[in-house]
Amino acid sequence: MNTNKTKLKDFLVIAKKATYATSGEGGERRLKDGTKEFVFTKGPYTYRDRYFGSNPFIGQEIVFYKLKPVWGMNYAGRVTAHNVNSHEVYLFLKKALQKVTKQNPYRGPKRLVFGQWKYSCTIKESVNDFSGREDIYWRRKKVYELLFHGGEIK
């Protein structure tokens, strides 16, 4: 990898907390082609998260180091239940994504419970090559799912 893995993980945590996890749907910049985009820069790193749709949605995160792409992640997700308020699901998702850690800088924590809500994230991982899924349950019923994968870009 063209950059230090520890610094990359530190940057990912800061960037993810500063973008969707804080602003959520509506806080992004909208491009002419319908893309929704978050961009965060600190020092030599830039994080770009672009996605389409809201339910379902698909997107891509790329980290640039000195303007060269060094890491990326693709994701696709959706609210799976029809009898739940999707706005509430995404509010809980933001709470989970605010808990992203340096040990798992991909999505949220491995597990989070808040009242009737439960978030889980399972990962087959290394920062250079990973895949995983996140699920949200409300009253023990699965209401949301997302698949993701990515890794180092050479």
N, C-alpha and C. Protein backbone atom coordinates (compact mmCIF):
# COMPACT_ATOMS: atom_id res chain seq x y z
N MET A 1 0.86 -1.18 0.00
CA MET A 1 0.00 0.00 0.00
C MET A 1 0.89 1.23 0.00
N ASN A 2 0.48 2.27 -0.69
CA ASN A 2 1.28 3.48 -0.83
C ASN A 2 1.30 4.35 0.42
N THR A 3 0.58 3.98 1.43
CA THR A 3 0.49 4.80 2.63
C THR A 3 0.50 3.91 3.86
N ASN A 4 0.78 4.46 4.99
CA ASN A 4 0.83 3.74 6.25
C ASN A 4 -0.57 3.27 6.64
N LYS A 5 -0.73 1.96 6.95
CA LYS A 5 -2.06 1.40 7.26
C LYS A 5 -2.67 2.03 8.51
N THR A 6 -1.85 2.30 9.52
CA THR A 6 -2.38 2.90 10.74
C THR A 6 -2.93 4.30 10.45
N LYS A 7 -2.20 5.09 9.69
CA LYS A 7 -2.66 6.43 9.35
C LYS A 7 -3.92 6.37 8.48
N LEU A 8 -3.97 5.39 7.58
CA LEU A 8 -5.16 5.21 6.75
C LEU A 8 -6.37 4.90 7.62
N LYS A 9 -6.23 3.97 8.56
CA LYS A 9 -7.35 3.62 9.44
C LYS A 9 -7.78 4.82 10.28
N ASP A 10 -6.81 5.56 10.81
CA ASP A 10 -7.14 6.76 11.58
C ASP A 10 -7.94 7.74 10.73
N PHE A 11 -7.48 7.95 9.50
CA PHE A 11 -8.17 8.87 8.60
C PHE A 11 -9.58 8.38 8.27
N LEU A 12 -9.74 7.08 8.00
CA LEU A 12 -11.06 6.54 7.68
C LEU A 12 -12.06 6.81 8.80
N VAL A 13 -11.65 6.60 10.03
CA VAL A 13 -12.54 6.83 11.18
C VAL A 13 -12.98 8.29 11.23
N ILE A 14 -12.03 9.21 11.09
CA ILE A 14 -12.35 10.63 11.12
C ILE A 14 -13.28 11.01 9.95
N ALA A 15 -12.94 10.54 8.75
CA ALA A 15 -13.71 10.89 7.55
C ALA A 15 -15.12 10.34 7.62
N LYS A 16 -15.27 9.10 8.04
CA LYS A 16 -16.61 8.50 8.09
C LYS A 16 -17.49 9.19 9.13
N LYS A 17 -16.91 9.54 10.27
CA LYS A 17 -17.68 10.24 11.30
C LYS A 17 -18.07 11.64 10.83
N ALA A 18 -17.24 12.26 10.00
CA ALA A 18 -17.49 13.64 9.57
C ALA A 18 -18.45 13.75 8.39
N THR A 19 -18.82 12.62 7.77
CA THR A 19 -19.65 12.69 6.57
C THR A 19 -21.04 12.10 6.84
N TYR A 20 -21.39 10.98 6.24
CA TYR A 20 -22.76 10.46 6.36
C TYR A 20 -23.18 10.22 7.81
N ALA A 21 -22.28 9.71 8.64
CA ALA A 21 -22.63 9.40 10.02
C ALA A 21 -23.10 10.64 10.79
N THR A 22 -22.66 11.80 10.37
CA THR A 22 -23.09 13.04 11.01
C THR A 22 -24.25 13.69 10.28
N SER A 23 -24.12 13.86 8.95
CA SER A 23 -25.13 14.59 8.19
C SER A 23 -26.26 13.72 7.69
N GLY A 24 -25.94 12.49 7.30
CA GLY A 24 -26.96 11.60 6.77
C GLY A 24 -27.54 12.07 5.45
N GLU A 25 -28.61 11.43 5.07
CA GLU A 25 -29.33 11.77 3.83
C GLU A 25 -29.73 13.24 3.88
N GLY A 26 -29.39 13.96 2.85
CA GLY A 26 -29.69 15.38 2.79
C GLY A 26 -28.48 16.26 3.08
N GLY A 27 -27.43 15.70 3.68
CA GLY A 27 -26.24 16.47 3.98
C GLY A 27 -25.19 16.40 2.89
N GLU A 28 -25.47 15.63 1.87
CA GLU A 28 -24.51 15.43 0.79
C GLU A 28 -24.65 16.49 -0.30
N ARG A 29 -23.64 16.54 -1.14
CA ARG A 29 -23.70 17.39 -2.34
C ARG A 29 -24.34 16.56 -3.45
N ARG A 30 -25.23 17.17 -4.21
CA ARG A 30 -25.88 16.45 -5.31
C ARG A 30 -25.26 16.88 -6.63
N LEU A 31 -24.83 15.87 -7.40
CA LEU A 31 -24.22 16.13 -8.69
C LEU A 31 -25.28 16.09 -9.78
N LYS A 32 -24.95 16.62 -10.95
CA LYS A 32 -25.92 16.73 -12.05
C LYS A 32 -26.50 15.39 -12.48
N ASP A 33 -25.72 14.31 -12.37
CA ASP A 33 -26.19 13.00 -12.82
C ASP A 33 -27.00 12.25 -11.77
N GLY A 34 -27.30 12.90 -10.63
CA GLY A 34 -28.09 12.27 -9.59
C GLY A 34 -27.26 11.65 -8.47
N THR A 35 -25.96 11.65 -8.65
CA THR A 35 -25.07 11.12 -7.61
C THR A 35 -25.15 12.00 -6.37
N LYS A 36 -25.11 11.35 -5.20
CA LYS A 36 -25.01 12.06 -3.93
C LYS A 36 -23.58 11.84 -3.45
N GLU A 37 -22.93 12.91 -2.97
CA GLU A 37 -21.51 12.81 -2.67
C GLU A 37 -21.13 13.52 -1.37
N PHE A 38 -20.28 12.85 -0.60
CA PHE A 38 -19.62 13.44 0.56
C PHE A 38 -18.14 13.44 0.26
N VAL A 39 -17.46 14.54 0.60
CA VAL A 39 -16.00 14.62 0.43
C VAL A 39 -15.42 15.18 1.72
N PHE A 40 -14.33 14.56 2.16
CA PHE A 40 -13.63 15.02 3.36
C PHE A 40 -12.13 14.96 3.09
N THR A 41 -11.42 16.04 3.41
CA THR A 41 -9.97 16.09 3.20
C THR A 41 -9.28 16.49 4.48
N LYS A 42 -8.19 15.78 4.77
CA LYS A 42 -7.33 16.15 5.90
C LYS A 42 -5.91 15.78 5.53
N GLY A 43 -5.05 16.78 5.50
CA GLY A 43 -3.66 16.54 5.13
C GLY A 43 -3.57 15.99 3.72
N PRO A 44 -2.77 14.93 3.52
CA PRO A 44 -2.61 14.38 2.17
C PRO A 44 -3.74 13.43 1.75
N TYR A 45 -4.73 13.20 2.65
CA TYR A 45 -5.81 12.26 2.38
C TYR A 45 -7.09 12.96 1.98
N THR A 46 -7.81 12.34 1.04
CA THR A 46 -9.16 12.77 0.68
C THR A 46 -10.05 11.53 0.63
N TYR A 47 -11.22 11.65 1.23
CA TYR A 47 -12.23 10.57 1.26
C TYR A 47 -13.40 11.04 0.41
N ARG A 48 -13.84 10.18 -0.50
CA ARG A 48 -14.99 10.51 -1.34
C ARG A 48 -15.98 9.35 -1.26
N ASP A 49 -17.19 9.66 -0.87
CA ASP A 49 -18.28 8.68 -0.79
C ASP A 49 -19.35 9.14 -1.76
N ARG A 50 -19.59 8.34 -2.79
CA ARG A 50 -20.63 8.65 -3.78
C ARG A 50 -21.64 7.52 -3.80
N TYR A 51 -22.92 7.90 -3.81
CA TYR A 51 -23.95 6.86 -3.87
C TYR A 51 -25.16 7.33 -4.66
N PHE A 52 -25.95 6.35 -5.07
CA PHE A 52 -27.18 6.59 -5.83
C PHE A 52 -28.34 5.96 -5.07
N GLY A 53 -29.49 6.62 -5.11
CA GLY A 53 -30.71 6.07 -4.53
C GLY A 53 -30.80 6.29 -3.04
N SER A 54 -31.89 5.77 -2.47
CA SER A 54 -32.06 5.82 -1.02
C SER A 54 -32.61 4.50 -0.49
N ASN A 55 -33.47 3.85 -1.25
CA ASN A 55 -33.95 2.54 -0.84
C ASN A 55 -34.52 1.78 -2.04
N PRO A 56 -33.70 0.95 -2.66
CA PRO A 56 -32.32 0.60 -2.30
C PRO A 56 -31.32 1.65 -2.77
N PHE A 57 -30.08 1.51 -2.30
CA PHE A 57 -29.01 2.41 -2.69
C PHE A 57 -27.74 1.60 -2.97
N ILE A 58 -26.84 2.21 -3.71
CA ILE A 58 -25.56 1.58 -4.03
C ILE A 58 -24.51 2.68 -4.06
N GLY A 59 -23.31 2.38 -3.60
CA GLY A 59 -22.30 3.42 -3.56
C GLY A 59 -20.88 2.92 -3.52
N GLN A 60 -19.98 3.89 -3.43
CA GLN A 60 -18.55 3.59 -3.44
C GLN A 60 -17.82 4.65 -2.62
N GLU A 61 -16.90 4.19 -1.80
CA GLU A 61 -16.01 5.08 -1.05
C GLU A 61 -14.61 4.89 -1.60
N ILE A 62 -13.89 5.99 -1.80
CA ILE A 62 -12.50 5.94 -2.26
C ILE A 62 -11.68 6.85 -1.37
N VAL A 63 -10.50 6.39 -0.96
CA VAL A 63 -9.55 7.24 -0.25
C VAL A 63 -8.38 7.50 -1.18
N PHE A 64 -8.04 8.77 -1.29
CA PHE A 64 -6.90 9.21 -2.09
C PHE A 64 -5.78 9.64 -1.14
N TYR A 65 -4.57 9.29 -1.47
CA TYR A 65 -3.39 9.75 -0.74
C TYR A 65 -2.54 10.52 -1.74
N LYS A 66 -2.36 11.80 -1.48
CA LYS A 66 -1.64 12.66 -2.42
C LYS A 66 -2.23 12.53 -3.83
N LEU A 67 -3.56 12.58 -3.90
CA LEU A 67 -4.34 12.56 -5.15
C LEU A 67 -4.34 11.22 -5.88
N LYS A 68 -3.77 10.17 -5.30
CA LYS A 68 -3.80 8.83 -5.93
C LYS A 68 -4.74 7.93 -5.13
N PRO A 69 -5.62 7.20 -5.81
CA PRO A 69 -6.52 6.29 -5.08
C PRO A 69 -5.71 5.15 -4.46
N VAL A 70 -5.94 4.92 -3.14
CA VAL A 70 -5.18 3.87 -2.43
C VAL A 70 -6.08 2.84 -1.75
N TRP A 71 -7.37 3.17 -1.55
CA TRP A 71 -8.28 2.27 -0.84
C TRP A 71 -9.70 2.54 -1.31
N GLY A 72 -10.51 1.49 -1.38
CA GLY A 72 -11.89 1.68 -1.79
C GLY A 72 -12.83 0.65 -1.21
N MET A 73 -14.11 1.00 -1.21
CA MET A 73 -15.15 0.08 -0.75
C MET A 73 -16.41 0.32 -1.56
N ASN A 74 -17.03 -0.75 -2.01
CA ASN A 74 -18.34 -0.71 -2.67
C ASN A 74 -19.39 -1.23 -1.69
N TYR A 75 -20.59 -0.69 -1.79
CA TYR A 75 -21.65 -1.14 -0.89
C TYR A 75 -23.01 -1.03 -1.57
N ALA A 76 -23.94 -1.84 -1.10
CA ALA A 76 -25.32 -1.80 -1.58
C ALA A 76 -26.22 -2.19 -0.40
N GLY A 77 -27.28 -1.41 -0.19
CA GLY A 77 -28.14 -1.70 0.95
C GLY A 77 -29.58 -1.30 0.69
N ARG A 78 -30.43 -1.70 1.66
CA ARG A 78 -31.86 -1.39 1.53
C ARG A 78 -32.59 -1.67 2.83
N VAL A 79 -33.70 -0.98 3.01
CA VAL A 79 -34.64 -1.31 4.07
C VAL A 79 -35.43 -2.51 3.56
N THR A 80 -35.50 -3.57 4.36
CA THR A 80 -36.12 -4.82 3.89
C THR A 80 -37.56 -4.99 4.36
N ALA A 81 -37.98 -4.24 5.36
CA ALA A 81 -39.33 -4.38 5.90
C ALA A 81 -40.22 -3.24 5.41
N HIS A 82 -41.45 -3.55 5.11
CA HIS A 82 -42.39 -2.53 4.62
C HIS A 82 -43.17 -1.87 5.75
N ASN A 83 -43.18 -2.49 6.91
CA ASN A 83 -43.99 -1.96 8.02
C ASN A 83 -43.14 -1.18 9.02
N VAL A 84 -42.01 -0.62 8.56
CA VAL A 84 -41.15 0.16 9.45
C VAL A 84 -40.87 1.51 8.77
N ASN A 85 -40.70 2.53 9.57
CA ASN A 85 -40.40 3.87 9.07
C ASN A 85 -38.92 3.90 8.64
N SER A 86 -38.66 4.02 7.35
CA SER A 86 -37.28 3.99 6.85
C SER A 86 -36.46 5.15 7.42
N HIS A 87 -37.10 6.28 7.67
CA HIS A 87 -36.38 7.41 8.27
C HIS A 87 -35.80 7.01 9.64
N GLU A 88 -36.56 6.28 10.44
CA GLU A 88 -36.09 5.82 11.75
C GLU A 88 -34.96 4.81 11.59
N VAL A 89 -35.06 3.96 10.58
CA VAL A 89 -33.98 2.99 10.32
C VAL A 89 -32.68 3.72 10.03
N TYR A 90 -32.75 4.73 9.16
CA TYR A 90 -31.54 5.46 8.79
C TYR A 90 -31.02 6.32 9.94
N LEU A 91 -31.89 6.80 10.82
CA LEU A 91 -31.43 7.51 12.02
C LEU A 91 -30.63 6.57 12.91
N PHE A 92 -31.13 5.35 13.09
CA PHE A 92 -30.39 4.38 13.90
C PHE A 92 -29.09 3.97 13.20
N LEU A 93 -29.12 3.84 11.88
CA LEU A 93 -27.90 3.53 11.13
C LEU A 93 -26.83 4.59 11.38
N LYS A 94 -27.22 5.85 11.37
CA LYS A 94 -26.26 6.93 11.63
C LYS A 94 -25.63 6.78 13.02
N LYS A 95 -26.44 6.41 14.03
CA LYS A 95 -25.91 6.18 15.38
C LYS A 95 -24.84 5.08 15.34
N ALA A 96 -25.12 4.02 14.60
CA ALA A 96 -24.16 2.91 14.50
C ALA A 96 -22.90 3.35 13.76
N LEU A 97 -23.06 4.08 12.67
CA LEU A 97 -21.90 4.49 11.87
C LEU A 97 -21.03 5.50 12.62
N GLN A 98 -21.60 6.23 13.57
CA GLN A 98 -20.80 7.14 14.40
C GLN A 98 -19.88 6.37 15.34
N LYS A 99 -20.11 5.07 15.50
CA LYS A 99 -19.31 4.22 16.39
C LYS A 99 -18.21 3.48 15.63
N VAL A 100 -17.92 3.86 14.39
CA VAL A 100 -16.86 3.22 13.61
C VAL A 100 -15.55 3.28 14.41
N THR A 101 -14.76 2.21 14.32
CA THR A 101 -13.51 2.14 15.09
C THR A 101 -12.32 1.91 14.18
N LYS A 102 -11.16 2.21 14.72
CA LYS A 102 -9.91 1.98 13.99
C LYS A 102 -9.70 0.48 13.72
N GLN A 103 -10.20 -0.37 14.62
CA GLN A 103 -10.07 -1.82 14.43
C GLN A 103 -10.94 -2.32 13.28
N ASN A 104 -12.07 -1.66 13.07
CA ASN A 104 -13.00 -2.02 12.00
C ASN A 104 -13.47 -0.75 11.30
N PRO A 105 -12.62 -0.15 10.45
CA PRO A 105 -12.95 1.15 9.87
C PRO A 105 -13.83 1.08 8.62
N TYR A 106 -14.68 0.08 8.55
CA TYR A 106 -15.48 -0.15 7.34
C TYR A 106 -16.87 0.43 7.46
N ARG A 107 -17.59 0.03 8.49
CA ARG A 107 -18.95 0.54 8.73
C ARG A 107 -19.06 0.86 10.22
N GLY A 108 -20.02 0.26 10.92
CA GLY A 108 -20.19 0.52 12.35
C GLY A 108 -19.52 -0.54 13.20
N PRO A 109 -19.87 -0.59 14.50
CA PRO A 109 -19.28 -1.59 15.40
C PRO A 109 -19.82 -2.99 15.07
N LYS A 110 -19.22 -3.99 15.67
CA LYS A 110 -19.71 -5.35 15.44
C LYS A 110 -21.13 -5.53 15.96
N ARG A 111 -21.47 -4.80 17.02
CA ARG A 111 -22.80 -4.92 17.61
C ARG A 111 -23.15 -3.63 18.34
N LEU A 112 -24.41 -3.22 18.21
CA LEU A 112 -24.91 -2.06 18.94
C LEU A 112 -26.39 -2.30 19.23
N VAL A 113 -26.78 -2.11 20.48
CA VAL A 113 -28.18 -2.24 20.86
C VAL A 113 -28.61 -0.92 21.49
N PHE A 114 -29.78 -0.44 21.06
CA PHE A 114 -30.34 0.81 21.58
C PHE A 114 -31.85 0.62 21.62
N GLY A 115 -32.39 0.40 22.80
CA GLY A 115 -33.82 0.15 22.93
C GLY A 115 -34.23 -1.09 22.15
N GLN A 116 -35.22 -0.95 21.26
CA GLN A 116 -35.70 -2.07 20.44
C GLN A 116 -34.84 -2.30 19.20
N TRP A 117 -33.81 -1.47 19.00
CA TRP A 117 -32.97 -1.54 17.81
C TRP A 117 -31.70 -2.34 18.08
N LYS A 118 -31.30 -3.11 17.08
CA LYS A 118 -30.04 -3.85 17.16
C LYS A 118 -29.32 -3.73 15.81
N TYR A 119 -28.04 -3.43 15.87
CA TYR A 119 -27.18 -3.33 14.68
C TYR A 119 -26.12 -4.41 14.80
N SER A 120 -25.83 -5.08 13.70
CA SER A 120 -24.72 -6.03 13.69
C SER A 120 -23.93 -5.87 12.39
N CYS A 121 -22.62 -6.05 12.51
CA CYS A 121 -21.74 -5.95 11.35
C CYS A 121 -20.74 -7.09 11.42
N THR A 122 -20.75 -7.94 10.41
CA THR A 122 -19.80 -9.05 10.35
C THR A 122 -18.85 -8.81 9.19
N ILE A 123 -17.59 -9.09 9.44
CA ILE A 123 -16.55 -8.76 8.46
C ILE A 123 -15.56 -9.91 8.32
N LYS A 124 -15.20 -10.20 7.08
CA LYS A 124 -14.04 -11.03 6.77
C LYS A 124 -13.00 -10.02 6.34
N GLU A 125 -11.92 -9.87 7.13
CA GLU A 125 -11.18 -8.66 6.90
C GLU A 125 -9.69 -8.66 7.05
N SER A 126 -9.23 -7.67 6.35
CA SER A 126 -7.94 -7.01 6.51
C SER A 126 -8.22 -5.70 5.79
N VAL A 127 -7.57 -4.64 6.19
CA VAL A 127 -7.85 -3.36 5.56
C VAL A 127 -7.53 -3.40 4.07
N ASN A 128 -6.67 -4.35 3.65
CA ASN A 128 -6.29 -4.47 2.25
C ASN A 128 -7.26 -5.30 1.41
N ASP A 129 -8.10 -6.12 2.06
CA ASP A 129 -9.01 -7.01 1.33
C ASP A 129 -10.09 -7.47 2.31
N PHE A 130 -11.30 -7.00 2.12
CA PHE A 130 -12.34 -7.30 3.10
C PHE A 130 -13.70 -7.42 2.42
N SER A 131 -14.62 -8.06 3.13
CA SER A 131 -16.02 -8.10 2.73
C SER A 131 -16.84 -8.26 3.99
N GLY A 132 -18.10 -7.85 3.90
CA GLY A 132 -18.92 -7.98 5.08
C GLY A 132 -20.36 -7.59 4.82
N ARG A 133 -21.11 -7.59 5.89
CA ARG A 133 -22.52 -7.21 5.83
C ARG A 133 -22.91 -6.56 7.14
N GLU A 134 -23.89 -5.67 7.04
CA GLU A 134 -24.48 -5.11 8.25
C GLU A 134 -25.98 -5.32 8.18
N ASP A 135 -26.56 -5.52 9.33
CA ASP A 135 -28.01 -5.73 9.44
C ASP A 135 -28.53 -4.90 10.59
N ILE A 136 -29.77 -4.45 10.44
CA ILE A 136 -30.46 -3.76 11.53
C ILE A 136 -31.76 -4.51 11.80
N TYR A 137 -32.01 -4.69 13.10
CA TYR A 137 -33.22 -5.37 13.55
C TYR A 137 -34.01 -4.40 14.42
N TRP A 138 -35.31 -4.45 14.29
CA TRP A 138 -36.21 -3.70 15.15
C TRP A 138 -37.19 -4.70 15.73
N ARG A 139 -37.24 -4.76 17.05
CA ARG A 139 -38.08 -5.75 17.74
C ARG A 139 -37.81 -7.16 17.21
N ARG A 140 -36.54 -7.47 17.03
CA ARG A 140 -36.04 -8.79 16.61
C ARG A 140 -36.35 -9.15 15.16
N LYS A 141 -36.90 -8.23 14.42
CA LYS A 141 -37.19 -8.49 13.00
C LYS A 141 -36.19 -7.71 12.15
N LYS A 142 -35.57 -8.39 11.19
CA LYS A 142 -34.62 -7.71 10.32
C LYS A 142 -35.35 -6.70 9.46
N VAL A 143 -34.84 -5.44 9.48
CA VAL A 143 -35.50 -4.37 8.73
C VAL A 143 -34.57 -3.70 7.72
N TYR A 144 -33.27 -4.06 7.75
CA TYR A 144 -32.28 -3.40 6.88
C TYR A 144 -31.10 -4.34 6.67
N GLU A 145 -30.51 -4.25 5.46
CA GLU A 145 -29.30 -5.03 5.18
C GLU A 145 -28.41 -4.26 4.22
N LEU A 146 -27.11 -4.47 4.35
CA LEU A 146 -26.13 -3.86 3.45
C LEU A 146 -24.96 -4.82 3.29
N LEU A 147 -24.51 -4.99 2.05
CA LEU A 147 -23.32 -5.78 1.76
C LEU A 147 -22.23 -4.83 1.30
N PHE A 148 -20.97 -5.14 1.69
CA PHE A 148 -19.86 -4.28 1.29
C PHE A 148 -18.60 -5.12 1.06
N HIS A 149 -17.72 -4.58 0.25
CA HIS A 149 -16.42 -5.23 0.02
C HIS A 149 -15.44 -4.19 -0.51
N GLY A 150 -14.17 -4.48 -0.40
CA GLY A 150 -13.17 -3.55 -0.90
C GLY A 150 -11.78 -3.87 -0.45
N GLY A 151 -10.92 -2.86 -0.53
CA GLY A 151 -9.55 -3.04 -0.10
C GLY A 151 -8.59 -2.08 -0.77
N GLU A 152 -7.37 -2.51 -0.79
CA GLU A 152 -6.27 -1.70 -1.34
C GLU A 152 -6.43 -1.51 -2.84
N ILE A 153 -6.04 -0.33 -3.30
CA ILE A 153 -6.00 -0.03 -4.74
C ILE A 153 -4.54 0.23 -5.11
N LYS A 154 -4.06 -0.47 -6.10
CA LYS A 154 -2.66 -0.27 -6.55
C LYS A 154 -2.64 0.38 -7.90
